[in-house]
Amino acid sequence: MRHVLTTVLALAMVAGLGRPALAADPTDPDWPCIQRKVDHLSIGVLWPHPLPAEETALPSGLDDVADQLALRRVTEEDAARLLAEVGAQNPGLNLDGYGRLFQATFDHIDRQRAEIIEGISRYARNQAGLAREIEEMQSEMTRLKAAEPPDFDRIDALEAELDWRIRVFRDRDRALTYVCESPVLLEQRAYRLAQMMLAAADG
């Protein structure tokens, strides 16, 4: 019983986090991130020129380059070096060629981003479910405390379970801030890669 008051106060804080109060997309109440939920990016926003038809093949070897450019572990500096090598090895690569390279790279990035967004939605639903469980346990705690005589063994066991679930909830909630940044980082990466390829095409 000595930690019951602390637990109840913590629950009051947790209860308000069961739903994403800062969600930016009213059409999806499960979306927990500040930025609006957009399932797929628009390539036309990033590449301001007509793109070749999708069936247009990339020059030999550039499929692998697109795969590498889309990898998050490849730094911007590495991407710049890779594109410099592409330019040196393909001196005739024009705006259409770079457009096709960006299109292939963008497709990889957009698929990664869509998978992350779906994962974020699942994450938020799990958090909401955990918040509901905590609220139900809080209600049980209130009933147990009001009973005569109180079931101290059950109260102690419930208190321990509540403490554990609150810790899990808080840890996940802190991690959500980082998780929500991932789609934004991929959008920024796609934009910077587009700028690099446009500069290479102009050069």
N, C-alpha and C. Protein backbone atom coordinates (compact mmCIF):
# COMPACT_ATOMS: atom_id res chain seq x y z
N MET A 1 0.81 -1.22 0.00
CA MET A 1 0.00 0.00 0.00
C MET A 1 0.85 1.27 0.00
N ARG A 2 2.10 1.18 0.38
CA ARG A 2 2.89 2.40 0.56
C ARG A 2 3.11 3.17 -0.74
N HIS A 3 2.97 2.47 -1.92
CA HIS A 3 3.20 3.16 -3.19
C HIS A 3 1.91 3.42 -3.96
N VAL A 4 0.76 3.17 -3.32
CA VAL A 4 -0.50 3.29 -4.06
C VAL A 4 -0.72 4.72 -4.55
N LEU A 5 -0.47 5.71 -3.67
CA LEU A 5 -0.71 7.10 -4.06
C LEU A 5 0.17 7.47 -5.24
N THR A 6 1.45 7.08 -5.21
CA THR A 6 2.36 7.36 -6.32
C THR A 6 1.85 6.73 -7.60
N THR A 7 1.38 5.50 -7.50
CA THR A 7 0.87 4.80 -8.69
C THR A 7 -0.34 5.50 -9.27
N VAL A 8 -1.27 5.91 -8.39
CA VAL A 8 -2.49 6.56 -8.88
C VAL A 8 -2.17 7.90 -9.53
N LEU A 9 -1.23 8.65 -8.96
CA LEU A 9 -0.83 9.92 -9.57
C LEU A 9 -0.20 9.69 -10.94
N ALA A 10 0.62 8.65 -11.03
CA ALA A 10 1.23 8.34 -12.32
C ALA A 10 0.18 7.95 -13.34
N LEU A 11 -0.83 7.24 -12.89
CA LEU A 11 -1.90 6.83 -13.80
C LEU A 11 -2.65 8.03 -14.33
N ALA A 12 -2.82 9.04 -13.50
CA ALA A 12 -3.50 10.24 -13.97
C ALA A 12 -2.75 10.87 -15.14
N MET A 13 -1.42 10.76 -15.10
CA MET A 13 -0.61 11.28 -16.20
C MET A 13 -0.73 10.40 -17.43
N VAL A 14 -0.74 9.09 -17.21
CA VAL A 14 -0.79 8.15 -18.33
C VAL A 14 -2.12 8.19 -19.05
N ALA A 15 -3.20 8.39 -18.29
CA ALA A 15 -4.53 8.30 -18.88
C ALA A 15 -4.70 9.26 -20.03
N GLY A 16 -4.10 10.42 -19.93
CA GLY A 16 -4.22 11.40 -21.00
C GLY A 16 -3.43 11.06 -22.24
N LEU A 17 -2.60 10.02 -22.18
CA LEU A 17 -1.77 9.66 -23.32
C LEU A 17 -2.33 8.49 -24.11
N GLY A 18 -3.48 8.00 -23.73
CA GLY A 18 -4.05 6.85 -24.43
C GLY A 18 -4.43 7.15 -25.85
N ARG A 19 -4.70 8.42 -26.12
CA ARG A 19 -5.03 8.83 -27.48
C ARG A 19 -4.04 9.90 -27.92
N PRO A 20 -3.67 9.94 -29.21
CA PRO A 20 -2.67 10.91 -29.67
C PRO A 20 -3.24 12.32 -29.75
N ALA A 21 -3.10 13.08 -28.65
CA ALA A 21 -3.72 14.41 -28.59
C ALA A 21 -3.15 15.36 -29.63
N LEU A 22 -1.91 15.12 -30.07
CA LEU A 22 -1.28 16.03 -31.01
C LEU A 22 -1.35 15.52 -32.45
N ALA A 23 -2.14 14.49 -32.69
CA ALA A 23 -2.21 13.92 -34.03
C ALA A 23 -2.60 14.99 -35.02
N ALA A 24 -1.93 14.97 -36.18
CA ALA A 24 -2.15 16.03 -37.16
C ALA A 24 -3.11 15.61 -38.25
N ASP A 25 -3.64 14.40 -38.18
CA ASP A 25 -4.54 13.93 -39.24
C ASP A 25 -5.87 13.53 -38.62
N PRO A 26 -6.89 14.40 -38.72
CA PRO A 26 -8.18 14.08 -38.11
C PRO A 26 -8.88 12.89 -38.76
N THR A 27 -8.45 12.50 -39.96
CA THR A 27 -9.08 11.34 -40.61
C THR A 27 -8.56 10.02 -40.05
N ASP A 28 -7.50 10.05 -39.27
CA ASP A 28 -6.95 8.83 -38.68
C ASP A 28 -6.65 9.10 -37.20
N PRO A 29 -7.61 8.81 -36.32
CA PRO A 29 -7.41 9.11 -34.90
C PRO A 29 -6.30 8.28 -34.26
N ASP A 30 -5.86 7.20 -34.92
CA ASP A 30 -4.77 6.38 -34.38
C ASP A 30 -3.40 6.99 -34.68
N TRP A 31 -3.34 7.98 -35.57
CA TRP A 31 -2.04 8.53 -35.97
C TRP A 31 -1.48 9.39 -34.85
N PRO A 32 -0.30 9.04 -34.29
CA PRO A 32 0.18 9.71 -33.08
C PRO A 32 1.18 10.84 -33.32
N CYS A 33 1.59 11.07 -34.55
CA CYS A 33 2.69 12.00 -34.81
C CYS A 33 2.17 13.41 -35.07
N ILE A 34 3.04 14.38 -34.84
CA ILE A 34 2.65 15.78 -35.05
C ILE A 34 2.42 16.07 -36.52
N GLN A 35 3.29 15.53 -37.38
CA GLN A 35 3.11 15.78 -38.81
C GLN A 35 1.91 15.01 -39.35
N ARG A 36 1.29 15.55 -40.36
CA ARG A 36 0.13 14.91 -40.98
C ARG A 36 0.53 13.58 -41.59
N LYS A 37 -0.37 12.63 -41.52
CA LYS A 37 -0.12 11.31 -42.10
C LYS A 37 -0.30 11.37 -43.61
N VAL A 38 0.75 11.06 -44.34
CA VAL A 38 0.71 10.98 -45.80
C VAL A 38 1.33 9.62 -46.15
N ASP A 39 0.50 8.72 -46.67
CA ASP A 39 0.96 7.35 -46.90
C ASP A 39 2.09 7.27 -47.92
N HIS A 40 1.99 8.09 -48.97
CA HIS A 40 3.01 8.04 -50.03
C HIS A 40 3.39 9.46 -50.44
N LEU A 41 4.67 9.62 -50.75
CA LEU A 41 5.17 10.90 -51.23
C LEU A 41 4.80 11.10 -52.70
N SER A 42 4.85 12.34 -53.14
CA SER A 42 4.63 12.67 -54.55
C SER A 42 5.97 12.97 -55.19
N ILE A 43 6.32 12.17 -56.18
CA ILE A 43 7.62 12.37 -56.82
C ILE A 43 7.68 13.70 -57.57
N GLY A 44 6.52 14.16 -58.06
CA GLY A 44 6.49 15.41 -58.81
C GLY A 44 6.86 16.62 -57.97
N VAL A 45 6.65 16.53 -56.65
CA VAL A 45 7.03 17.63 -55.76
C VAL A 45 8.54 17.72 -55.64
N LEU A 46 9.21 16.58 -55.76
CA LEU A 46 10.66 16.53 -55.56
C LEU A 46 11.46 16.68 -56.85
N TRP A 47 10.87 16.23 -57.96
CA TRP A 47 11.57 16.28 -59.25
C TRP A 47 10.79 17.17 -60.20
N PRO A 48 11.25 18.40 -60.44
CA PRO A 48 10.44 19.40 -61.15
C PRO A 48 10.50 19.29 -62.67
N HIS A 49 10.81 18.13 -63.19
CA HIS A 49 10.89 17.93 -64.64
C HIS A 49 10.08 16.70 -65.02
N PRO A 50 9.65 16.63 -66.28
CA PRO A 50 8.95 15.41 -66.72
C PRO A 50 9.86 14.20 -66.54
N LEU A 51 9.26 13.12 -66.06
CA LEU A 51 10.02 11.89 -65.85
C LEU A 51 9.84 10.94 -67.02
N PRO A 52 10.86 10.13 -67.31
CA PRO A 52 10.71 9.13 -68.37
C PRO A 52 9.62 8.13 -68.01
N ALA A 53 9.12 7.44 -69.01
CA ALA A 53 8.14 6.40 -68.75
C ALA A 53 8.73 5.36 -67.81
N GLU A 54 7.89 4.79 -66.94
CA GLU A 54 8.39 3.87 -65.92
C GLU A 54 9.09 2.66 -66.52
N GLU A 55 8.68 2.27 -67.72
CA GLU A 55 9.30 1.08 -68.31
C GLU A 55 10.67 1.36 -68.92
N THR A 56 11.06 2.65 -68.94
CA THR A 56 12.37 2.99 -69.48
C THR A 56 13.45 2.40 -68.59
N ALA A 57 14.33 1.61 -69.18
CA ALA A 57 15.35 0.93 -68.39
C ALA A 57 16.45 1.91 -67.97
N LEU A 58 17.00 1.66 -66.81
CA LEU A 58 18.16 2.41 -66.37
C LEU A 58 19.39 1.95 -67.12
N PRO A 59 20.35 2.86 -67.34
CA PRO A 59 21.62 2.41 -67.91
C PRO A 59 22.23 1.29 -67.07
N SER A 60 23.03 0.47 -67.67
CA SER A 60 23.61 -0.70 -67.01
C SER A 60 24.31 -0.32 -65.71
N GLY A 61 24.01 -1.05 -64.65
CA GLY A 61 24.65 -0.84 -63.36
C GLY A 61 23.97 0.16 -62.45
N LEU A 62 23.06 0.97 -62.99
CA LEU A 62 22.47 2.02 -62.16
C LEU A 62 21.33 1.51 -61.26
N ASP A 63 20.82 0.32 -61.56
CA ASP A 63 19.84 -0.27 -60.63
C ASP A 63 20.47 -0.46 -59.26
N ASP A 64 21.71 -0.96 -59.26
CA ASP A 64 22.42 -1.15 -57.99
C ASP A 64 22.69 0.19 -57.31
N VAL A 65 22.98 1.21 -58.10
CA VAL A 65 23.22 2.54 -57.53
C VAL A 65 21.95 3.05 -56.85
N ALA A 66 20.81 2.88 -57.48
CA ALA A 66 19.54 3.31 -56.88
C ALA A 66 19.29 2.58 -55.57
N ASP A 67 19.59 1.27 -55.55
CA ASP A 67 19.43 0.50 -54.32
C ASP A 67 20.30 1.08 -53.20
N GLN A 68 21.54 1.40 -53.53
CA GLN A 68 22.47 1.91 -52.52
C GLN A 68 22.07 3.30 -52.03
N LEU A 69 21.66 4.16 -52.96
CA LEU A 69 21.27 5.52 -52.59
C LEU A 69 20.08 5.53 -51.64
N ALA A 70 19.22 4.54 -51.76
CA ALA A 70 18.02 4.48 -50.92
C ALA A 70 18.31 3.98 -49.51
N LEU A 71 19.48 3.38 -49.29
CA LEU A 71 19.80 2.83 -47.98
C LEU A 71 20.06 3.95 -46.98
N ARG A 72 19.39 3.86 -45.83
CA ARG A 72 19.55 4.91 -44.83
C ARG A 72 20.96 4.94 -44.23
N ARG A 73 21.64 3.81 -44.28
CA ARG A 73 23.00 3.80 -43.71
C ARG A 73 24.03 4.46 -44.63
N VAL A 74 23.64 4.74 -45.88
CA VAL A 74 24.53 5.43 -46.80
C VAL A 74 24.43 6.93 -46.51
N THR A 75 25.51 7.53 -46.07
CA THR A 75 25.50 8.95 -45.70
C THR A 75 25.37 9.84 -46.95
N GLU A 76 25.07 11.12 -46.70
CA GLU A 76 25.00 12.06 -47.82
C GLU A 76 26.34 12.18 -48.52
N GLU A 77 27.41 12.15 -47.74
CA GLU A 77 28.75 12.24 -48.33
C GLU A 77 29.02 11.03 -49.24
N ASP A 78 28.63 9.85 -48.77
CA ASP A 78 28.80 8.64 -49.59
C ASP A 78 27.92 8.72 -50.84
N ALA A 79 26.70 9.25 -50.67
CA ALA A 79 25.80 9.38 -51.82
C ALA A 79 26.40 10.33 -52.85
N ALA A 80 27.00 11.43 -52.38
CA ALA A 80 27.62 12.40 -53.30
C ALA A 80 28.78 11.74 -54.05
N ARG A 81 29.60 10.95 -53.34
CA ARG A 81 30.70 10.25 -54.00
C ARG A 81 30.18 9.24 -55.02
N LEU A 82 29.12 8.56 -54.66
CA LEU A 82 28.54 7.57 -55.56
C LEU A 82 28.02 8.24 -56.84
N LEU A 83 27.36 9.37 -56.68
CA LEU A 83 26.85 10.09 -57.85
C LEU A 83 27.99 10.67 -58.69
N ALA A 84 29.07 11.06 -58.03
CA ALA A 84 30.24 11.53 -58.79
C ALA A 84 30.82 10.41 -59.64
N GLU A 85 30.84 9.20 -59.08
CA GLU A 85 31.31 8.04 -59.84
C GLU A 85 30.37 7.74 -61.00
N VAL A 86 29.08 7.87 -60.76
CA VAL A 86 28.10 7.64 -61.83
C VAL A 86 28.35 8.61 -62.98
N GLY A 87 28.56 9.89 -62.63
CA GLY A 87 28.81 10.88 -63.66
C GLY A 87 30.08 10.60 -64.44
N ALA A 88 31.12 10.17 -63.72
CA ALA A 88 32.39 9.90 -64.40
C ALA A 88 32.30 8.68 -65.31
N GLN A 89 31.53 7.68 -64.89
CA GLN A 89 31.41 6.45 -65.67
C GLN A 89 30.36 6.54 -66.77
N ASN A 90 29.48 7.53 -66.68
CA ASN A 90 28.41 7.70 -67.68
C ASN A 90 28.39 9.15 -68.15
N PRO A 91 29.39 9.59 -68.89
CA PRO A 91 29.49 11.01 -69.27
C PRO A 91 28.30 11.48 -70.12
N GLY A 92 27.59 10.57 -70.74
CA GLY A 92 26.45 10.98 -71.55
C GLY A 92 25.13 10.99 -70.81
N LEU A 93 25.17 10.75 -69.51
CA LEU A 93 23.93 10.69 -68.73
C LEU A 93 23.30 12.09 -68.66
N ASN A 94 22.08 12.20 -69.18
CA ASN A 94 21.43 13.51 -69.26
C ASN A 94 20.34 13.63 -68.20
N LEU A 95 19.52 14.68 -68.31
CA LEU A 95 18.47 14.92 -67.32
C LEU A 95 17.50 13.75 -67.25
N ASP A 96 17.15 13.18 -68.40
CA ASP A 96 16.25 12.03 -68.38
C ASP A 96 16.88 10.84 -67.65
N GLY A 97 18.19 10.64 -67.87
CA GLY A 97 18.86 9.53 -67.20
C GLY A 97 18.89 9.71 -65.69
N TYR A 98 19.20 10.92 -65.26
CA TYR A 98 19.19 11.18 -63.83
C TYR A 98 17.76 11.13 -63.28
N GLY A 99 16.81 11.54 -64.09
CA GLY A 99 15.41 11.45 -63.67
C GLY A 99 14.99 10.01 -63.46
N ARG A 100 15.44 9.14 -64.34
CA ARG A 100 15.11 7.71 -64.17
C ARG A 100 15.83 7.13 -62.96
N LEU A 101 17.07 7.56 -62.72
CA LEU A 101 17.80 7.12 -61.53
C LEU A 101 17.09 7.58 -60.26
N PHE A 102 16.64 8.84 -60.27
CA PHE A 102 15.92 9.33 -59.09
C PHE A 102 14.60 8.59 -58.92
N GLN A 103 13.92 8.31 -60.01
CA GLN A 103 12.65 7.59 -59.94
C GLN A 103 12.84 6.24 -59.27
N ALA A 104 13.90 5.51 -59.65
CA ALA A 104 14.16 4.20 -59.06
C ALA A 104 14.52 4.35 -57.58
N THR A 105 15.34 5.35 -57.27
CA THR A 105 15.72 5.59 -55.87
C THR A 105 14.50 5.99 -55.03
N PHE A 106 13.69 6.87 -55.60
CA PHE A 106 12.48 7.33 -54.91
C PHE A 106 11.55 6.17 -54.61
N ASP A 107 11.38 5.25 -55.55
CA ASP A 107 10.48 4.11 -55.33
C ASP A 107 10.92 3.30 -54.12
N HIS A 108 12.23 3.10 -53.98
CA HIS A 108 12.75 2.37 -52.82
C HIS A 108 12.45 3.13 -51.53
N ILE A 109 12.73 4.42 -51.53
CA ILE A 109 12.54 5.23 -50.33
C ILE A 109 11.07 5.30 -49.95
N ASP A 110 10.21 5.47 -50.94
CA ASP A 110 8.78 5.58 -50.65
C ASP A 110 8.22 4.28 -50.07
N ARG A 111 8.72 3.14 -50.55
CA ARG A 111 8.28 1.86 -49.98
C ARG A 111 8.74 1.73 -48.53
N GLN A 112 9.99 2.10 -48.26
CA GLN A 112 10.49 2.08 -46.88
C GLN A 112 9.61 2.95 -45.98
N ARG A 113 9.32 4.14 -46.47
CA ARG A 113 8.56 5.09 -45.68
C ARG A 113 7.15 4.58 -45.41
N ALA A 114 6.50 3.98 -46.41
CA ALA A 114 5.14 3.45 -46.24
C ALA A 114 5.13 2.34 -45.19
N GLU A 115 6.16 1.50 -45.20
CA GLU A 115 6.24 0.44 -44.20
C GLU A 115 6.40 1.02 -42.79
N ILE A 116 7.20 2.07 -42.67
CA ILE A 116 7.40 2.71 -41.37
C ILE A 116 6.10 3.33 -40.87
N ILE A 117 5.37 3.99 -41.77
CA ILE A 117 4.10 4.63 -41.39
C ILE A 117 3.10 3.59 -40.90
N GLU A 118 3.02 2.46 -41.58
CA GLU A 118 2.12 1.40 -41.12
C GLU A 118 2.57 0.89 -39.76
N GLY A 119 3.89 0.78 -39.57
CA GLY A 119 4.40 0.35 -38.27
C GLY A 119 4.07 1.35 -37.16
N ILE A 120 4.12 2.64 -37.48
CA ILE A 120 3.78 3.66 -36.49
C ILE A 120 2.32 3.54 -36.07
N SER A 121 1.45 3.30 -37.03
CA SER A 121 0.02 3.15 -36.71
C SER A 121 -0.21 1.94 -35.80
N ARG A 122 0.49 0.83 -36.09
CA ARG A 122 0.37 -0.35 -35.22
C ARG A 122 0.88 -0.02 -33.83
N TYR A 123 2.01 0.68 -33.77
CA TYR A 123 2.63 1.07 -32.50
C TYR A 123 1.64 1.89 -31.68
N ALA A 124 1.00 2.86 -32.32
CA ALA A 124 0.05 3.72 -31.61
C ALA A 124 -1.16 2.93 -31.12
N ARG A 125 -1.64 1.99 -31.94
CA ARG A 125 -2.78 1.17 -31.50
C ARG A 125 -2.40 0.32 -30.29
N ASN A 126 -1.18 -0.19 -30.29
CA ASN A 126 -0.72 -0.98 -29.13
C ASN A 126 -0.64 -0.10 -27.88
N GLN A 127 -0.16 1.13 -28.05
CA GLN A 127 -0.10 2.05 -26.92
C GLN A 127 -1.49 2.36 -26.38
N ALA A 128 -2.44 2.58 -27.29
CA ALA A 128 -3.80 2.87 -26.85
C ALA A 128 -4.38 1.68 -26.10
N GLY A 129 -4.08 0.46 -26.57
CA GLY A 129 -4.56 -0.74 -25.89
C GLY A 129 -3.94 -0.85 -24.50
N LEU A 130 -2.65 -0.54 -24.39
CA LEU A 130 -2.00 -0.60 -23.09
C LEU A 130 -2.58 0.45 -22.14
N ALA A 131 -2.88 1.64 -22.66
CA ALA A 131 -3.49 2.68 -21.83
C ALA A 131 -4.85 2.23 -21.30
N ARG A 132 -5.62 1.55 -22.16
CA ARG A 132 -6.93 1.05 -21.70
C ARG A 132 -6.75 0.01 -20.59
N GLU A 133 -5.76 -0.88 -20.75
CA GLU A 133 -5.50 -1.88 -19.71
C GLU A 133 -5.13 -1.21 -18.39
N ILE A 134 -4.32 -0.17 -18.47
CA ILE A 134 -3.92 0.55 -17.25
C ILE A 134 -5.13 1.21 -16.60
N GLU A 135 -6.00 1.80 -17.40
CA GLU A 135 -7.20 2.44 -16.85
C GLU A 135 -8.10 1.41 -16.17
N GLU A 136 -8.22 0.21 -16.78
CA GLU A 136 -9.04 -0.84 -16.18
C GLU A 136 -8.45 -1.30 -14.85
N MET A 137 -7.12 -1.41 -14.81
CA MET A 137 -6.46 -1.80 -13.57
C MET A 137 -6.60 -0.71 -12.51
N GLN A 138 -6.58 0.54 -12.94
CA GLN A 138 -6.79 1.65 -12.01
C GLN A 138 -8.18 1.56 -11.39
N SER A 139 -9.17 1.25 -12.21
CA SER A 139 -10.54 1.12 -11.70
C SER A 139 -10.63 -0.03 -10.69
N GLU A 140 -9.94 -1.13 -11.00
CA GLU A 140 -9.95 -2.24 -10.06
C GLU A 140 -9.27 -1.84 -8.75
N MET A 141 -8.18 -1.09 -8.85
CA MET A 141 -7.49 -0.63 -7.65
C MET A 141 -8.42 0.21 -6.78
N THR A 142 -9.20 1.09 -7.41
CA THR A 142 -10.14 1.93 -6.67
C THR A 142 -11.18 1.08 -5.95
N ARG A 143 -11.69 0.05 -6.65
CA ARG A 143 -12.69 -0.83 -6.03
C ARG A 143 -12.09 -1.60 -4.85
N LEU A 144 -10.86 -2.09 -5.03
CA LEU A 144 -10.22 -2.86 -3.98
C LEU A 144 -9.97 -2.00 -2.73
N LYS A 145 -9.58 -0.76 -2.93
CA LYS A 145 -9.30 0.13 -1.80
C LYS A 145 -10.58 0.47 -1.03
N ALA A 146 -11.72 0.49 -1.76
CA ALA A 146 -12.99 0.85 -1.13
C ALA A 146 -13.65 -0.34 -0.44
N ALA A 147 -13.16 -1.56 -0.71
CA ALA A 147 -13.80 -2.76 -0.16
C ALA A 147 -13.51 -2.86 1.34
N GLU A 148 -14.43 -3.53 2.05
CA GLU A 148 -14.25 -3.78 3.48
C GLU A 148 -14.39 -5.27 3.74
N PRO A 149 -13.31 -5.92 4.17
CA PRO A 149 -11.97 -5.35 4.37
C PRO A 149 -11.23 -5.34 3.03
N PRO A 150 -10.24 -4.45 2.86
CA PRO A 150 -9.46 -4.44 1.61
C PRO A 150 -8.66 -5.73 1.45
N ASP A 151 -8.53 -6.17 0.20
CA ASP A 151 -7.72 -7.35 -0.10
C ASP A 151 -6.29 -6.87 -0.36
N PHE A 152 -5.50 -6.80 0.70
CA PHE A 152 -4.16 -6.20 0.60
C PHE A 152 -3.23 -7.00 -0.31
N ASP A 153 -3.39 -8.32 -0.30
CA ASP A 153 -2.54 -9.13 -1.17
C ASP A 153 -2.80 -8.80 -2.64
N ARG A 154 -4.07 -8.70 -2.99
CA ARG A 154 -4.42 -8.38 -4.38
C ARG A 154 -3.99 -6.95 -4.72
N ILE A 155 -4.15 -6.04 -3.77
CA ILE A 155 -3.74 -4.65 -4.01
C ILE A 155 -2.24 -4.58 -4.26
N ASP A 156 -1.45 -5.30 -3.46
CA ASP A 156 0.00 -5.28 -3.65
C ASP A 156 0.38 -5.86 -5.00
N ALA A 157 -0.27 -6.97 -5.38
CA ALA A 157 0.04 -7.59 -6.67
C ALA A 157 -0.36 -6.68 -7.82
N LEU A 158 -1.52 -6.04 -7.70
CA LEU A 158 -1.99 -5.14 -8.75
C LEU A 158 -1.10 -3.92 -8.86
N GLU A 159 -0.65 -3.42 -7.72
CA GLU A 159 0.24 -2.26 -7.72
C GLU A 159 1.55 -2.56 -8.46
N ALA A 160 2.10 -3.76 -8.22
CA ALA A 160 3.34 -4.14 -8.91
C ALA A 160 3.12 -4.24 -10.41
N GLU A 161 1.98 -4.81 -10.80
CA GLU A 161 1.67 -4.94 -12.22
C GLU A 161 1.47 -3.57 -12.86
N LEU A 162 0.79 -2.68 -12.14
CA LEU A 162 0.58 -1.32 -12.64
C LEU A 162 1.90 -0.58 -12.82
N ASP A 163 2.80 -0.71 -11.86
CA ASP A 163 4.10 -0.05 -11.96
C ASP A 163 4.84 -0.51 -13.21
N TRP A 164 4.80 -1.81 -13.44
CA TRP A 164 5.50 -2.36 -14.61
C TRP A 164 4.89 -1.85 -15.91
N ARG A 165 3.56 -1.87 -16.00
CA ARG A 165 2.90 -1.43 -17.24
C ARG A 165 3.09 0.06 -17.48
N ILE A 166 3.12 0.84 -16.43
CA ILE A 166 3.35 2.28 -16.60
C ILE A 166 4.76 2.51 -17.13
N ARG A 167 5.74 1.78 -16.61
CA ARG A 167 7.11 1.93 -17.11
C ARG A 167 7.19 1.58 -18.59
N VAL A 168 6.53 0.48 -18.98
CA VAL A 168 6.52 0.09 -20.39
C VAL A 168 5.87 1.18 -21.23
N PHE A 169 4.74 1.69 -20.77
CA PHE A 169 4.02 2.73 -21.51
C PHE A 169 4.90 3.96 -21.71
N ARG A 170 5.56 4.39 -20.63
CA ARG A 170 6.39 5.60 -20.72
C ARG A 170 7.59 5.38 -21.63
N ASP A 171 8.21 4.21 -21.53
CA ASP A 171 9.36 3.92 -22.41
C ASP A 171 8.93 3.95 -23.87
N ARG A 172 7.80 3.35 -24.17
CA ARG A 172 7.30 3.34 -25.55
C ARG A 172 6.92 4.73 -26.01
N ASP A 173 6.35 5.50 -25.09
CA ASP A 173 5.93 6.85 -25.46
C ASP A 173 7.14 7.72 -25.80
N ARG A 174 8.22 7.56 -25.01
CA ARG A 174 9.44 8.31 -25.32
C ARG A 174 10.02 7.87 -26.66
N ALA A 175 9.98 6.56 -26.94
CA ALA A 175 10.52 6.06 -28.20
C ALA A 175 9.70 6.56 -29.39
N LEU A 176 8.42 6.84 -29.17
CA LEU A 176 7.55 7.26 -30.27
C LEU A 176 8.03 8.56 -30.90
N THR A 177 8.61 9.44 -30.11
CA THR A 177 9.14 10.70 -30.65
C THR A 177 10.17 10.43 -31.73
N TYR A 178 11.07 9.49 -31.47
CA TYR A 178 12.08 9.13 -32.46
C TYR A 178 11.45 8.44 -33.66
N VAL A 179 10.51 7.52 -33.39
CA VAL A 179 9.87 6.78 -34.48
C VAL A 179 9.15 7.73 -35.43
N CYS A 180 8.50 8.74 -34.88
CA CYS A 180 7.76 9.69 -35.72
C CYS A 180 8.68 10.52 -36.61
N GLU A 181 9.94 10.62 -36.25
CA GLU A 181 10.89 11.38 -37.07
C GLU A 181 11.32 10.61 -38.32
N SER A 182 11.18 9.29 -38.30
CA SER A 182 11.72 8.47 -39.39
C SER A 182 11.12 8.83 -40.76
N PRO A 183 9.78 8.95 -40.90
CA PRO A 183 9.25 9.34 -42.21
C PRO A 183 9.76 10.70 -42.68
N VAL A 184 9.90 11.63 -41.74
CA VAL A 184 10.39 12.96 -42.09
C VAL A 184 11.83 12.88 -42.59
N LEU A 185 12.65 12.09 -41.92
CA LEU A 185 14.04 11.93 -42.34
C LEU A 185 14.13 11.33 -43.74
N LEU A 186 13.23 10.40 -44.06
CA LEU A 186 13.24 9.81 -45.40
C LEU A 186 12.79 10.83 -46.45
N GLU A 187 11.80 11.66 -46.11
CA GLU A 187 11.39 12.72 -47.04
C GLU A 187 12.56 13.67 -47.32
N GLN A 188 13.25 14.04 -46.24
CA GLN A 188 14.40 14.94 -46.40
C GLN A 188 15.49 14.29 -47.23
N ARG A 189 15.70 13.01 -47.04
CA ARG A 189 16.72 12.30 -47.82
C ARG A 189 16.35 12.29 -49.30
N ALA A 190 15.09 11.99 -49.59
CA ALA A 190 14.65 11.98 -50.99
C ALA A 190 14.84 13.36 -51.62
N TYR A 191 14.52 14.40 -50.88
CA TYR A 191 14.68 15.76 -51.41
C TYR A 191 16.15 16.06 -51.71
N ARG A 192 17.02 15.74 -50.75
CA ARG A 192 18.44 16.05 -50.96
C ARG A 192 19.03 15.23 -52.11
N LEU A 193 18.62 13.98 -52.24
CA LEU A 193 19.09 13.18 -53.37
C LEU A 193 18.62 13.77 -54.70
N ALA A 194 17.38 14.25 -54.72
CA ALA A 194 16.88 14.90 -55.93
C ALA A 194 17.73 16.11 -56.28
N GLN A 195 18.07 16.92 -55.27
CA GLN A 195 18.89 18.10 -55.51
C GLN A 195 20.27 17.72 -56.02
N MET A 196 20.85 16.68 -55.48
CA MET A 196 22.16 16.22 -55.94
C MET A 196 22.11 15.79 -57.40
N MET A 197 21.06 15.06 -57.76
CA MET A 197 20.96 14.55 -59.13
C MET A 197 20.65 15.68 -60.12
N LEU A 198 19.85 16.64 -59.69
CA LEU A 198 19.58 17.79 -60.54
C LEU A 198 20.86 18.59 -60.79
N ALA A 199 21.66 18.73 -59.72
CA ALA A 199 22.94 19.44 -59.88
C ALA A 199 23.88 18.67 -60.80
N ALA A 200 23.89 17.34 -60.67
CA ALA A 200 24.74 16.52 -61.54
C ALA A 200 24.30 16.63 -62.99
N ALA A 201 22.99 16.66 -63.20
CA ALA A 201 22.46 16.77 -64.56
C ALA A 201 22.82 18.13 -65.17
N ASP A 202 22.80 19.19 -64.37
CA ASP A 202 23.15 20.52 -64.86
C ASP A 202 24.64 20.66 -65.11
N GLY A 203 25.42 19.85 -64.38
CA GLY A 203 26.87 19.97 -64.50
C GLY A 203 27.41 19.30 -65.72
